[in-house]
C-alpha cells in the first residue's frame, strides 16, 4: 500500500511512501521558572492519508544515536489544529507507552496550565533503548482495545475507554539525532457493531431483516451475544465484545435489566451508541436525553427505522455523532 504524508509540525523527509527520515536537531525552550534553555530536542508530526477503524499498523523504528531526549512512534489519531495526538511511543520515559498529548486547547490555554501526557499503558525504561537497532513496532486496534507488540513480544494490552470511529495514522518524532521510520504497513478490518436486545422472535426479525442488512451496507459487521459459543462467563464475553466493538446498537423497548446493563456499560466506555425503541415506549429518565430512533412495528415502520439507522450509522462512522 502506498501512502501520502503531510508534515503538520516540524520536519521529516519522505524517502518513499512507506519510509520517513527525521533529521533531529536542538531547540530552544523556556522552563517553568522562566529560564531559557537551548538543549531541547526537535519535534515532528507526520500524518498519512491512511484511515482505518481497526486492524493492525506497524513500522520499523531505528534510533541512529541514543541521547537523553528521544522518542518516536506510531500516531493513531490526531487533531492538527490543537497539536493533540494519541500515539504508541518508544522512549520519552518508558520503553514503550500508549499516550495522549492534549495539545493547546482553549481550556488549558485560559488557565495557563502546562499540557501533560496522559498514559493509557507504559512499560519499561527508555534507558534500555539500543542505538542503531531495528525495532519492529506493531499496534492492533479492536474497538477501544489497543495491543502493542515490540520485536514480537506483547508489552501492552489496554482499553482507551473510548472509541474512535476513524483513526488518522501517522508518525511522531522527538530527538536531537536522526530517526529512521520505515516499513509502514496498515491492515484494516471492518468496523463492528455489538447489538443489544432481547432474544425473542420479534426482535430476532428486527435484527435479521433490518439491523444486519443496513450495517452490511456500511461494511459494518454485526454480532449479538447469542452468536458466540464456547466456555467461560457470558457476562465476561459481553463486556469483551462491548470493549472491542466500534459501536453499539441497542433496542430498549422492553424494560430488560440485561439490556440496560449493557447500554450503561457501553456509555461508561463512551462507546458510540444507537438506541432503538418502538413508538410509545416510555424511556427511563437516565437515558431520556439520548438520541433514540422510534419506530412502528409495521411495514411502513420498517422503512422508517431503516432510514434512521442509515443516518445514525453514517454519522457515527464519520465521527460526527
C-alpha atoms as a PDB file:
ATOM      1  CA  UNK A   1       0.000   0.000   0.000  1.00  0.00           C
ATOM      2  CA  UNK A   2       1.281   3.446  -0.930  1.00  0.00           C
ATOM      3  CA  UNK A   3       0.791   6.361   1.467  1.00  0.00           C
ATOM      4  CA  UNK A   4       0.895  10.123   1.155  1.00  0.00           C
ATOM      5  CA  UNK A   5       2.314  12.178   4.030  1.00  0.00           C
ATOM      6  CA  UNK A   6       1.757  15.703   5.306  1.00  0.00           C
ATOM      7  CA  UNK A   7       4.022  17.387   7.903  1.00  0.00           C
ATOM      8  CA  UNK A   8       1.790  19.079  10.486  1.00  0.00           C
ATOM      9  CA  UNK A   9       4.664  20.136  12.747  1.00  0.00           C
ATOM     10  CA  UNK A  10       8.435  20.011  12.455  1.00  0.00           C
ATOM     11  CA  UNK A  11      10.326  18.482   9.581  1.00  0.00           C
ATOM     12  CA  UNK A  12      10.779  14.920   8.355  1.00  0.00           C
ATOM     13  CA  UNK A  13      11.618  13.812   4.847  1.00  0.00           C
ATOM     14  CA  UNK A  14       9.532  11.310   2.875  1.00  0.00           C
ATOM     15  CA  UNK A  15      12.079   8.871   1.464  1.00  0.00           C
ATOM     16  CA  UNK A  16       9.310   6.699  -0.018  1.00  0.00           C
ATOM     17  CA  UNK A  17       5.574   6.174   0.640  1.00  0.00           C
ATOM     18  CA  UNK A  18       6.463   3.739   3.461  1.00  0.00           C
ATOM     19  CA  UNK A  19       9.673   5.371   4.689  1.00  0.00           C
ATOM     20  CA  UNK A  20      10.280   8.595   6.670  1.00  0.00           C
ATOM     21  CA  UNK A  21      13.507  10.096   7.956  1.00  0.00           C
ATOM     22  CA  UNK A  22      13.612  12.549  10.857  1.00  0.00           C
ATOM     23  CA  UNK A  23      16.888  14.524  10.929  1.00  0.00           C
ATOM     24  CA  UNK A  24      16.635  15.589  14.559  1.00  0.00           C
ATOM     25  CA  UNK A  25      18.151  18.787  15.946  1.00  0.00           C
ATOM     26  CA  UNK A  26      18.220  21.026  19.007  1.00  0.00           C
ATOM     27  CA  UNK A  27      15.552  23.510  20.028  1.00  0.00           C
ATOM     28  CA  UNK A  28      15.127  26.393  22.447  1.00  0.00           C
ATOM     29  CA  UNK A  29      12.531  26.291  25.207  1.00  0.00           C
ATOM     30  CA  UNK A  30      11.549  28.146  28.385  1.00  0.00           C
ATOM     31  CA  UNK A  31      11.346  26.344  31.730  1.00  0.00           C
ATOM     32  CA  UNK A  32       8.510  26.848  34.208  1.00  0.00           C
ATOM     33  CA  UNK A  33      10.868  29.131  36.131  1.00  0.00           C
ATOM     34  CA  UNK A  34      11.238  31.323  33.049  1.00  0.00           C
ATOM     35  CA  UNK A  35      14.787  30.239  32.219  1.00  0.00           C
ATOM     36  CA  UNK A  36      15.633  29.972  28.528  1.00  0.00           C
ATOM     37  CA  UNK A  37      17.337  26.688  27.556  1.00  0.00           C
ATOM     38  CA  UNK A  38      18.984  25.720  24.283  1.00  0.00           C
ATOM     39  CA  UNK A  39      19.369  21.971  24.797  1.00  0.00           C
ATOM     40  CA  UNK A  40      15.887  20.829  23.784  1.00  0.00           C
ATOM     41  CA  UNK A  41      15.148  18.263  21.082  1.00  0.00           C
ATOM     42  CA  UNK A  42      13.191  18.962  17.922  1.00  0.00           C
ATOM     43  CA  UNK A  43       9.715  17.502  17.402  1.00  0.00           C
ATOM     44  CA  UNK A  44       7.920  16.472  14.217  1.00  0.00           C
ATOM     45  CA  UNK A  45       4.461  15.095  13.479  1.00  0.00           C
ATOM     46  CA  UNK A  46       3.702  13.479  10.108  1.00  0.00           C
ATOM     47  CA  UNK A  47       0.167  12.381   9.208  1.00  0.00           C
ATOM     48  CA  UNK A  48      -0.715   9.976   6.413  1.00  0.00           C
ATOM     49  CA  UNK A  49      -3.781   9.502   4.249  1.00  0.00           C
ATOM     50  CA  UNK A  50      -4.279   6.068   5.847  1.00  0.00           C
ATOM     51  CA  UNK A  51      -7.568   5.867   7.755  1.00  0.00           C
ATOM     52  CA  UNK A  52      -8.907   2.798   9.469  1.00  0.00           C
ATOM     53  CA  UNK A  53     -11.463   1.865  12.106  1.00  0.00           C
ATOM     54  CA  UNK A  54      -9.412  -1.034  13.422  1.00  0.00           C
ATOM     55  CA  UNK A  55      -6.842  -3.607  12.476  1.00  0.00           C
ATOM     56  CA  UNK A  56      -3.048  -3.596  12.600  1.00  0.00           C
ATOM     57  CA  UNK A  57      -0.489  -0.912  11.871  1.00  0.00           C
ATOM     58  CA  UNK A  58       3.254  -1.484  12.081  1.00  0.00           C
ATOM     59  CA  UNK A  59       6.595   0.163  11.379  1.00  0.00           C
ATOM     60  CA  UNK A  60      10.308  -0.355  11.917  1.00  0.00           C
ATOM     61  CA  UNK A  61      11.962   2.386  14.003  1.00  0.00           C
ATOM     62  CA  UNK A  62      15.728   2.904  14.237  1.00  0.00           C
ATOM     63  CA  UNK A  63      17.370   5.456  16.557  1.00  0.00           C
ATOM     64  CA  UNK A  64      20.681   6.287  14.888  1.00  0.00           C
ATOM     65  CA  UNK A  65      22.033   7.656  18.172  1.00  0.00           C
ATOM     66  CA  UNK A  66      20.808   7.343  21.766  1.00  0.00           C
ATOM     67  CA  UNK A  67      20.516  10.552  23.778  1.00  0.00           C
ATOM     68  CA  UNK A  68      18.660  11.729  26.859  1.00  0.00           C
ATOM     69  CA  UNK A  69      15.793  13.255  24.909  1.00  0.00           C
ATOM     70  CA  UNK A  70      14.437  10.967  22.228  1.00  0.00           C
ATOM     71  CA  UNK A  71      11.224   9.210  21.237  1.00  0.00           C
ATOM     72  CA  UNK A  72       9.375   8.049  18.152  1.00  0.00           C
ATOM     73  CA  UNK A  73       6.244   6.120  17.421  1.00  0.00           C
ATOM     74  CA  UNK A  74       3.051   5.490  15.502  1.00  0.00           C
ATOM     75  CA  UNK A  75       0.259   8.055  15.762  1.00  0.00           C
ATOM     76  CA  UNK A  76      -3.222   6.533  15.937  1.00  0.00           C
ATOM     77  CA  UNK A  77      -5.238   9.743  15.878  1.00  0.00           C
ATOM     78  CA  UNK A  78      -4.509  13.446  15.795  1.00  0.00           C
ATOM     79  CA  UNK A  79      -6.082  16.891  15.915  1.00  0.00           C
ATOM     80  CA  UNK A  80      -3.657  19.058  13.898  1.00  0.00           C
ATOM     81  CA  UNK A  81      -5.397  22.291  14.895  1.00  0.00           C
ATOM     82  CA  UNK A  82      -4.670  21.709  18.585  1.00  0.00           C
ATOM     83  CA  UNK A  83      -1.490  19.692  18.181  1.00  0.00           C
ATOM     84  CA  UNK A  84      -3.178  16.856  20.090  1.00  0.00           C
ATOM     85  CA  UNK A  85      -2.441  13.226  19.300  1.00  0.00           C
ATOM     86  CA  UNK A  86      -2.726   9.661  20.593  1.00  0.00           C
ATOM     87  CA  UNK A  87       0.441   7.713  19.811  1.00  0.00           C
ATOM     88  CA  UNK A  88       2.239   4.480  20.626  1.00  0.00           C
ATOM     89  CA  UNK A  89       5.726   5.663  21.503  1.00  0.00           C
ATOM     90  CA  UNK A  90       9.185   4.233  22.111  1.00  0.00           C
ATOM     91  CA  UNK A  91      11.184   6.387  24.529  1.00  0.00           C
ATOM     92  CA  UNK A  92      10.477   9.637  26.402  1.00  0.00           C
ATOM     93  CA  UNK A  93      10.492   7.983  29.832  1.00  0.00           C
ATOM     94  CA  UNK A  94       9.123   4.463  29.390  1.00  0.00           C
ATOM     95  CA  UNK A  95      10.491   1.961  26.919  1.00  0.00           C
ATOM     96  CA  UNK A  96       7.051   1.770  25.303  1.00  0.00           C
ATOM     97  CA  UNK A  97       3.795   3.591  26.012  1.00  0.00           C
ATOM     98  CA  UNK A  98       0.330   4.387  24.700  1.00  0.00           C
ATOM     99  CA  UNK A  99      -0.162   8.051  25.488  1.00  0.00           C
ATOM    100  CA  UNK A 100      -2.206  11.116  24.646  1.00  0.00           C
ATOM    101  CA  UNK A 101      -0.829  14.632  24.221  1.00  0.00           C
ATOM    102  CA  UNK A 102      -3.702  17.145  24.708  1.00  0.00           C
ATOM    103  CA  UNK A 103      -2.164  19.931  22.666  1.00  0.00           C
ATOM    104  CA  UNK A 104      -3.038  23.551  23.296  1.00  0.00           C
ATOM    105  CA  UNK A 105      -6.757  23.626  23.997  1.00  0.00           C
ATOM    106  CA  UNK A 106      -8.842  26.644  24.950  1.00  0.00           C
ATOM    107  CA  UNK A 107      -9.217  25.128  28.412  1.00  0.00           C
ATOM    108  CA  UNK A 108      -5.545  24.787  29.344  1.00  0.00           C
ATOM    109  CA  UNK A 109      -4.787  27.969  27.391  1.00  0.00           C
ATOM    110  CA  UNK A 110      -7.183  30.023  29.531  1.00  0.00           C
ATOM    111  CA  UNK A 111      -5.954  28.542  32.797  1.00  0.00           C
ATOM    112  CA  UNK A 112      -2.283  28.762  31.909  1.00  0.00           C
ATOM    113  CA  UNK A 113      -1.864  25.068  32.717  1.00  0.00           C
ATOM    114  CA  UNK A 114       1.036  23.276  31.044  1.00  0.00           C
ATOM    115  CA  UNK A 115      -0.136  20.352  28.870  1.00  0.00           C
ATOM    116  CA  UNK A 116       0.977  16.940  30.111  1.00  0.00           C
ATOM    117  CA  UNK A 117       0.896  13.409  28.706  1.00  0.00           C
ATOM    118  CA  UNK A 118      -1.889  11.002  29.665  1.00  0.00           C
ATOM    119  CA  UNK A 119      -0.639   7.413  29.735  1.00  0.00           C
ATOM    120  CA  UNK A 120      -3.025   4.547  28.922  1.00  0.00           C
ATOM    121  CA  UNK A 121      -0.257   1.997  29.306  1.00  0.00           C
ATOM    122  CA  UNK A 122       3.513   2.154  29.842  1.00  0.00           C
ATOM    123  CA  UNK A 123       6.231  -0.474  30.182  1.00  0.00           C
ATOM    124  CA  UNK A 124       9.956  -0.438  30.960  1.00  0.00           C
ATOM    125  CA  UNK A 125      12.504   2.375  30.741  1.00  0.00           C
ATOM    126  CA  UNK A 126      13.795   4.327  27.753  1.00  0.00           C
ATOM    127  CA  UNK A 127      17.314   3.744  29.056  1.00  0.00           C
ATOM    128  CA  UNK A 128      17.112   0.227  27.601  1.00  0.00           C
ATOM    129  CA  UNK A 129      16.711   1.500  24.024  1.00  0.00           C
ATOM    130  CA  UNK A 130      19.602   0.484  21.760  1.00  0.00           C
ATOM    131  CA  UNK A 131      21.442   2.562  19.200  1.00  0.00           C
ATOM    132  CA  UNK A 132      21.003   1.591  15.529  1.00  0.00           C
ATOM    133  CA  UNK A 133      18.630  -1.287  16.398  1.00  0.00           C
ATOM    134  CA  UNK A 134      15.667  -2.044  14.133  1.00  0.00           C
ATOM    135  CA  UNK A 135      12.663  -2.036  16.473  1.00  0.00           C
ATOM    136  CA  UNK A 136       9.579  -3.626  14.910  1.00  0.00           C
ATOM    137  CA  UNK A 137       6.534  -1.937  16.458  1.00  0.00           C
ATOM    138  CA  UNK A 138       3.091  -3.454  15.828  1.00  0.00           C
ATOM    139  CA  UNK A 139      -0.174  -1.997  17.118  1.00  0.00           C
ATOM    140  CA  UNK A 140      -3.530  -3.805  16.971  1.00  0.00           C
ATOM    141  CA  UNK A 141      -6.731  -1.796  17.462  1.00  0.00           C
ATOM    142  CA  UNK A 142     -10.065  -3.519  18.140  1.00  0.00           C
ATOM    143  CA  UNK A 143     -12.777  -1.081  19.207  1.00  0.00           C
ATOM    144  CA  UNK A 144     -11.195   0.749  22.136  1.00  0.00           C
ATOM    145  CA  UNK A 145      -8.716  -2.080  22.817  1.00  0.00           C
ATOM    146  CA  UNK A 146      -5.075  -1.357  21.895  1.00  0.00           C
ATOM    147  CA  UNK A 147      -2.443  -4.121  21.949  1.00  0.00           C
ATOM    148  CA  UNK A 148       1.233  -3.269  21.426  1.00  0.00           C
ATOM    149  CA  UNK A 149       3.876  -5.776  20.345  1.00  0.00           C
ATOM    150  CA  UNK A 150       7.566  -4.835  20.183  1.00  0.00           C
ATOM    151  CA  UNK A 151      10.013  -7.162  18.413  1.00  0.00           C
ATOM    152  CA  UNK A 152       7.490  -9.996  18.710  1.00  0.00           C
ATOM    153  CA  UNK A 153       6.831  -9.507  22.441  1.00  0.00           C
ATOM    154  CA  UNK A 154       3.450  -8.229  23.651  1.00  0.00           C
ATOM    155  CA  UNK A 155       4.089  -5.338  26.035  1.00  0.00           C
ATOM    156  CA  UNK A 156       0.779  -3.504  26.398  1.00  0.00           C
ATOM    157  CA  UNK A 157      -2.890  -4.519  26.324  1.00  0.00           C
ATOM    158  CA  UNK A 158      -5.045  -1.546  27.302  1.00  0.00           C
ATOM    159  CA  UNK A 159      -8.554  -0.154  26.941  1.00  0.00           C
ATOM    160  CA  UNK A 160      -8.747   3.516  25.941  1.00  0.00           C
ATOM    161  CA  UNK A 161     -12.229   3.788  27.498  1.00  0.00           C
ATOM    162  CA  UNK A 162     -13.495   5.450  24.337  1.00  0.00           C
ATOM    163  CA  UNK A 163     -13.829   4.572  20.656  1.00  0.00           C
ATOM    164  CA  UNK A 164     -12.609   6.496  17.652  1.00  0.00           C
ATOM    165  CA  UNK A 165     -14.706   5.568  14.572  1.00  0.00           C
ATOM    166  CA  UNK A 166     -11.932   6.579  12.164  1.00  0.00           C
ATOM    167  CA  UNK A 167      -8.263   6.687  13.092  1.00  0.00           C
ATOM    168  CA  UNK A 168      -5.813   9.086  11.423  1.00  0.00           C
ATOM    169  CA  UNK A 169      -2.474   7.313  11.223  1.00  0.00           C
ATOM    170  CA  UNK A 170       0.927   8.936  11.264  1.00  0.00           C
ATOM    171  CA  UNK A 171       4.362   9.151  12.877  1.00  0.00           C
ATOM    172  CA  UNK A 172       5.710  11.224  15.763  1.00  0.00           C
ATOM    173  CA  UNK A 173       9.357  12.108  16.412  1.00  0.00           C
ATOM    174  CA  UNK A 174      11.315  13.765  19.241  1.00  0.00           C
ATOM    175  CA  UNK A 175      15.105  13.726  19.181  1.00  0.00           C
ATOM    176  CA  UNK A 176      18.340  15.651  18.726  1.00  0.00           C
ATOM    177  CA  UNK A 177      19.538  12.944  16.362  1.00  0.00           C
ATOM    178  CA  UNK A 178      18.342  11.092  13.275  1.00  0.00           C
ATOM    179  CA  UNK A 179      15.490   8.571  13.461  1.00  0.00           C
ATOM    180  CA  UNK A 180      14.569   6.168  10.667  1.00  0.00           C
ATOM    181  CA  UNK A 181      10.885   5.184  10.325  1.00  0.00           C
ATOM    182  CA  UNK A 182      10.235   2.620   7.588  1.00  0.00           C
ATOM    183  CA  UNK A 183       8.198  -0.419   6.503  1.00  0.00           C
ATOM    184  CA  UNK A 184       4.990   1.391   7.476  1.00  0.00           C
ATOM    185  CA  UNK A 185       2.109  -1.031   6.929  1.00  0.00           C
ATOM    186  CA  UNK A 186      -1.617  -0.924   7.612  1.00  0.00           C
ATOM    187  CA  UNK A 187      -4.008  -3.881   7.648  1.00  0.00           C
ATOM    188  CA  UNK A 188      -7.587  -2.717   8.189  1.00  0.00           C
ATOM    189  CA  UNK A 189     -10.584  -4.663   9.437  1.00  0.00           C
ATOM    190  CA  UNK A 190     -14.251  -3.761   9.208  1.00  0.00           C
ATOM    191  CA  UNK A 191     -15.925  -1.773  11.954  1.00  0.00           C
ATOM    192  CA  UNK A 192     -18.074  -3.914  14.249  1.00  0.00           C
ATOM    193  CA  UNK A 193     -21.431  -3.239  15.882  1.00  0.00           C
ATOM    194  CA  UNK A 194     -22.428  -5.136  19.011  1.00  0.00           C
ATOM    195  CA  UNK A 195     -26.226  -5.473  19.017  1.00  0.00           C
ATOM    196  CA  UNK A 196     -28.058  -5.468  22.337  1.00  0.00           C
ATOM    197  CA  UNK A 197     -31.698  -6.652  22.533  1.00  0.00           C
ATOM    198  CA  UNK A 198     -33.979  -9.336  23.862  1.00  0.00           C
ATOM    199  CA  UNK A 199     -33.647 -12.736  22.179  1.00  0.00           C
ATOM    200  CA  UNK A 200     -37.289 -13.159  21.155  1.00  0.00           C
ATOM    201  CA  UNK A 201     -38.849 -13.787  17.732  1.00  0.00           C
ATOM    202  CA  UNK A 202     -39.916 -10.196  17.008  1.00  0.00           C
ATOM    203  CA  UNK A 203     -36.502  -8.815  17.925  1.00  0.00           C
ATOM    204  CA  UNK A 204     -34.762 -11.607  16.023  1.00  0.00           C
ATOM    205  CA  UNK A 205     -36.654 -10.419  12.926  1.00  0.00           C
ATOM    206  CA  UNK A 206     -35.620  -6.808  13.569  1.00  0.00           C
ATOM    207  CA  UNK A 207     -32.015  -7.939  13.835  1.00  0.00           C
ATOM    208  CA  UNK A 208     -32.013 -10.217  10.771  1.00  0.00           C
ATOM    209  CA  UNK A 209     -34.210  -8.146   8.455  1.00  0.00           C
ATOM    210  CA  UNK A 210     -33.241  -4.568   9.381  1.00  0.00           C
ATOM    211  CA  UNK A 211     -30.166  -4.092  11.555  1.00  0.00           C
ATOM    212  CA  UNK A 212     -27.866  -6.644   9.948  1.00  0.00           C
ATOM    213  CA  UNK A 213     -28.627  -5.699   6.272  1.00  0.00           C
ATOM    214  CA  UNK A 214     -28.288  -1.952   6.973  1.00  0.00           C
ATOM    215  CA  UNK A 215     -24.956  -2.481   8.730  1.00  0.00           C
ATOM    216  CA  UNK A 216     -23.747  -4.555   5.784  1.00  0.00           C
ATOM    217  CA  UNK A 217     -24.450  -1.564   3.516  1.00  0.00           C
ATOM    218  CA  UNK A 218     -21.814   0.346   5.528  1.00  0.00           C
ATOM    219  CA  UNK A 219     -19.399  -2.629   5.704  1.00  0.00           C
ATOM    220  CA  UNK A 220     -20.057  -2.931   9.430  1.00  0.00           C
ATOM    221  CA  UNK A 221     -20.012  -6.431  10.901  1.00  0.00           C
ATOM    222  CA  UNK A 222     -22.720  -7.209  13.465  1.00  0.00           C
ATOM    223  CA  UNK A 223     -22.630  -9.501  16.481  1.00  0.00           C
ATOM    224  CA  UNK A 224     -25.106 -10.470  19.210  1.00  0.00           C
ATOM    225  CA  UNK A 225     -24.202 -12.228  22.429  1.00  0.00           C
ATOM    226  CA  UNK A 226     -26.155 -15.338  21.392  1.00  0.00           C
ATOM    227  CA  UNK A 227     -23.940 -15.711  18.306  1.00  0.00           C
ATOM    228  CA  UNK A 228     -20.865 -16.516  20.367  1.00  0.00           C
ATOM    229  CA  UNK A 229     -20.249 -20.037  21.609  1.00  0.00           C
ATOM    230  CA  UNK A 230     -17.718 -21.589  23.954  1.00  0.00           C
ATOM    231  CA  UNK A 231     -16.811 -21.940  27.617  1.00  0.00           C
ATOM    232  CA  UNK A 232     -16.463 -19.132  30.124  1.00  0.00           C
ATOM    233  CA  UNK A 233     -18.625 -16.413  31.635  1.00  0.00           C
ATOM    234  CA  UNK A 234     -21.349 -14.938  29.413  1.00  0.00           C
ATOM    235  CA  UNK A 235     -21.005 -11.585  31.212  1.00  0.00           C
ATOM    236  CA  UNK A 236     -17.252 -11.535  30.595  1.00  0.00           C
ATOM    237  CA  UNK A 237     -17.842 -12.268  26.887  1.00  0.00           C
ATOM    238  CA  UNK A 238     -20.393  -9.454  26.656  1.00  0.00           C
ATOM    239  CA  UNK A 239     -18.052  -6.976  28.332  1.00  0.00           C
ATOM    240  CA  UNK A 240     -15.246  -8.017  25.979  1.00  0.00           C
ATOM    241  CA  UNK A 241     -17.464  -7.597  22.918  1.00  0.00           C
ATOM    242  CA  UNK A 242     -18.570  -4.128  24.025  1.00  0.00           C
ATOM    243  CA  UNK A 243     -14.949  -3.056  24.560  1.00  0.00           C
ATOM    244  CA  UNK A 244     -13.821  -4.460  21.210  1.00  0.00           C
ATOM    245  CA  UNK A 245     -16.765  -3.157  19.157  1.00  0.00           C
ATOM    246  CA  UNK A 246     -16.694   0.097  17.223  1.00  0.00           C
ATOM    247  CA  UNK A 247     -20.271   0.988  18.180  1.00  0.00           C
ATOM    248  CA  UNK A 248     -23.340  -0.354  19.963  1.00  0.00           C
ATOM    249  CA  UNK A 249     -26.886  -0.727  18.613  1.00  0.00           C
ATOM    250  CA  UNK A 250     -29.468  -1.360  21.325  1.00  0.00           C
ATOM    251  CA  UNK A 251     -33.226  -1.874  21.254  1.00  0.00           C
ATOM    252  CA  UNK A 252     -34.531  -0.696  24.631  1.00  0.00           C
ATOM    253  CA  UNK A 253     -38.232  -1.267  24.023  1.00  0.00           C
ATOM    254  CA  UNK A 254     -38.836  -3.730  26.887  1.00  0.00           C
ATOM    255  CA  UNK A 255     -37.666  -2.851  30.381  1.00  0.00           C
ATOM    256  CA  UNK A 256     -34.961  -5.519  30.332  1.00  0.00           C
ATOM    257  CA  UNK A 257     -32.309  -5.324  33.059  1.00  0.00           C
ATOM    258  CA  UNK A 258     -29.663  -7.082  30.953  1.00  0.00           C
ATOM    259  CA  UNK A 259     -30.163  -4.692  28.033  1.00  0.00           C
ATOM    260  CA  UNK A 260     -29.894  -1.627  30.279  1.00  0.00           C
ATOM    261  CA  UNK A 261     -26.792  -3.032  31.984  1.00  0.00           C
ATOM    262  CA  UNK A 262     -25.091  -3.437  28.608  1.00  0.00           C
ATOM    263  CA  UNK A 263     -26.169   0.032  27.454  1.00  0.00           C
ATOM    264  CA  UNK A 264     -24.869   1.515  30.703  1.00  0.00           C
ATOM    265  CA  UNK A 265     -21.566  -0.331  30.334  1.00  0.00           C
ATOM    266  CA  UNK A 266     -21.217   0.994  26.778  1.00  0.00           C
ATOM    267  CA  UNK A 267     -21.945   4.560  27.872  1.00  0.00           C
ATOM    268  CA  UNK A 268     -19.385   4.269  30.676  1.00  0.00           C
ATOM    269  CA  UNK A 269     -16.819   3.411  27.972  1.00  0.00           C
ATOM    270  CA  UNK A 270     -18.095   6.335  25.859  1.00  0.00           C
ATOM    271  CA  UNK A 271     -18.957   3.975  23.021  1.00  0.00           C
ATOM    272  CA  UNK A 272     -20.983   5.462  20.163  1.00  0.00           C
ATOM    273  CA  UNK A 273     -24.439   4.028  20.845  1.00  0.00           C
ATOM    274  CA  UNK A 274     -27.531   3.974  18.634  1.00  0.00           C
ATOM    275  CA  UNK A 275     -30.752   3.409  20.587  1.00  0.00           C
ATOM    276  CA  UNK A 276     -33.917   1.933  19.061  1.00  0.00           C
ATOM    277  CA  UNK A 277     -37.361   1.786  20.641  1.00  0.00           C
ATOM    278  CA  UNK A 278     -40.897   1.075  19.496  1.00  0.00           C
ATOM    279  CA  UNK A 279     -43.016   4.204  19.383  1.00  0.00           C
ATOM    280  CA  UNK A 280     -44.860   4.741  22.654  1.00  0.00           C
ATOM    281  CA  UNK A 281     -42.032   3.337  24.792  1.00  0.00           C
ATOM    282  CA  UNK A 282     -41.532   5.485  27.896  1.00  0.00           C
ATOM    283  CA  UNK A 283     -37.795   5.861  28.347  1.00  0.00           C
ATOM    284  CA  UNK A 284     -36.262   5.826  31.823  1.00  0.00           C
ATOM    285  CA  UNK A 285     -35.070   9.230  32.995  1.00  0.00           C
ATOM    286  CA  UNK A 286     -31.375   8.253  32.794  1.00  0.00           C
ATOM    287  CA  UNK A 287     -31.474   7.786  29.017  1.00  0.00           C
ATOM    288  CA  UNK A 288     -34.388  10.030  28.036  1.00  0.00           C
ATOM    289  CA  UNK A 289     -31.946  12.677  26.832  1.00  0.00           C
ATOM    290  CA  UNK A 290     -30.155  10.383  24.374  1.00  0.00           C
ATOM    291  CA  UNK A 291     -30.970  10.326  20.666  1.00  0.00           C
ATOM    292  CA  UNK A 292     -33.326   7.410  20.025  1.00  0.00           C
ATOM    293  CA  UNK A 293     -34.808   6.050  16.796  1.00  0.00           C
ATOM    294  CA  UNK A 294     -38.511   5.438  17.495  1.00  0.00           C
ATOM    295  CA  UNK A 295     -40.251   3.081  15.098  1.00  0.00           C
ATOM    296  CA  UNK A 296     -43.666   1.494  14.482  1.00  0.00           C
ATOM    297  CA  UNK A 297     -43.857  -2.293  14.291  1.00  0.00           C
ATOM    298  CA  UNK A 298     -45.405  -2.121  10.806  1.00  0.00           C
ATOM    299  CA  UNK A 299     -44.262  -2.427   7.182  1.00  0.00           C
ATOM    300  CA  UNK A 300     -44.046   1.367   6.952  1.00  0.00           C
ATOM    301  CA  UNK A 301     -42.253   1.417  10.311  1.00  0.00           C
ATOM    302  CA  UNK A 302     -39.588  -0.894   8.905  1.00  0.00           C
ATOM    303  CA  UNK A 303     -38.714   1.655   6.227  1.00  0.00           C
ATOM    304  CA  UNK A 304     -38.538   4.453   8.817  1.00  0.00           C
ATOM    305  CA  UNK A 305     -36.205   2.561  11.148  1.00  0.00           C
ATOM    306  CA  UNK A 306     -34.003   1.624   8.172  1.00  0.00           C
ATOM    307  CA  UNK A 307     -33.746   5.284   7.188  1.00  0.00           C
ATOM    308  CA  UNK A 308     -32.980   6.379  10.751  1.00  0.00           C
ATOM    309  CA  UNK A 309     -30.381   3.665  11.231  1.00  0.00           C
ATOM    310  CA  UNK A 310     -28.672   4.644   7.963  1.00  0.00           C
ATOM    311  CA  UNK A 311     -28.431   8.288   9.081  1.00  0.00           C
ATOM    312  CA  UNK A 312     -27.049   7.389  12.506  1.00  0.00           C
ATOM    313  CA  UNK A 313     -24.520   4.901  11.138  1.00  0.00           C
ATOM    314  CA  UNK A 314     -23.274   7.480   8.655  1.00  0.00           C
ATOM    315  CA  UNK A 315     -22.867   9.997  11.477  1.00  0.00           C
ATOM    316  CA  UNK A 316     -21.076   7.527  13.779  1.00  0.00           C
ATOM    317  CA  UNK A 317     -18.679   6.301  11.105  1.00  0.00           C
ATOM    318  CA  UNK A 318     -17.828   9.851  10.037  1.00  0.00           C
ATOM    319  CA  UNK A 319     -17.153  10.814  13.647  1.00  0.00           C
ATOM    320  CA  UNK A 320     -19.920  13.437  13.838  1.00  0.00           C
ATOM    321  CA  UNK A 321     -22.123  11.650  16.382  1.00  0.00           C
END
